[in-house]
Amino acid sequence: MSKVSIAIIGLNGFIGKHVLNAINSGVFDSKIQFPVKAITRKEGSQSTDKIKYIVSPETSPDDANLIDSLKGVDAIVELTGPNPELFSKIEKIVEKVKPKLFIPSQFGVDIAQVNSYAPGFLALKTQHSQAVRKLGIKVVDIITAFFAVPGSFLYEQAGGVGITEKGVNLIGDIDQKFHVSKLEDVGNVVLAVATHQPYSDLPDTIHVASEVITVKDVIDRYEKSKGIKLDIISKKSAEEGKKEFVDKLNAGFNPNDFVFYLQVIVAQGLDKGLYFSKLDNELFNPNESLWKWGKF
């Protein structure tokens, strides 16, 4: 089977560095046509035999050098934050380049599941994927549930389960399960999807995760790492949390409420955004033959 040529927008970002590690790991060498093309806005990044940096200060579809550099690429991977102007530019770049596969910057929450009870949540991301699909290009949304990042999400920053300096503001069941993904796994999955052949066999949306944990697991770890005991200082049912979520969303999406949104989504349970009845782990890493899934 032929090797796959890949271009990545946002390789130096939050998820990008883990994709870079996966590229350099050697795990996917037999499947990738090197060098991987990395689009960057800044001068100074050093290309290697595996990574070729292409500088495009505006990431513009009018940048002839950028478009020429990407012509013929099999897969374009987007690892940027949600930004309507940038998304619009990338859609136009994809339209000109016409790759066989586009992986948008989805990850995290299954937006379609959340929209079943909170319509309009993160609509920008949904619209972005739909816009590229309308171009006749295969789009695969990778859903990874909650990021679990040592020193950060669900470790030091645990507002997603209601942990504050004063205690826990609990929403729903303390034993509620949800999926989490380590960023190392996300990096590997991105490459596993980008190198999967044929692309026509891929579902439009895939769900992957490192493992299942509970709200209590996060609280217990936090208490142990901090050497403290957290009291539950307030309680709301999952239904009460959902109503507040919907009311807030109807008033306009507020980035400052995002951690609250995530906590409510966790509380909703199975197939409501962060806990999935079916994972596609085996499709991309059968029997952990390529890498070992991380642990919380």
Foldseek 3Di string as FASTA:
>chain_A
DDAAAEEEEQLVDDLNVLLVCLQVVPLCVVRHDDQHEYEDLDPDDDADRNYDYDHDNVLALPPPVVLVVLAPGAEYEYQDDQDLVNLVRVLSSCLSRVHQEYEYNAEAWPVVLQCVQQNPVVVSRVVSQVSNVVSVHQYEYEYEHAEDEVVDDLAPDDCLQQQDPQFRAHEADQFQKFFYAYSNVVSLVVVLLSRDPPVVPDDNYFYAGLDMGGNNVSQVNNCVVVVHHGDHPHYHYLVVLSVVVNVVVVVPDDPVCVSSVSNSQSNVHESNITHYPDHCVCVRQNVVVSHHRDDD
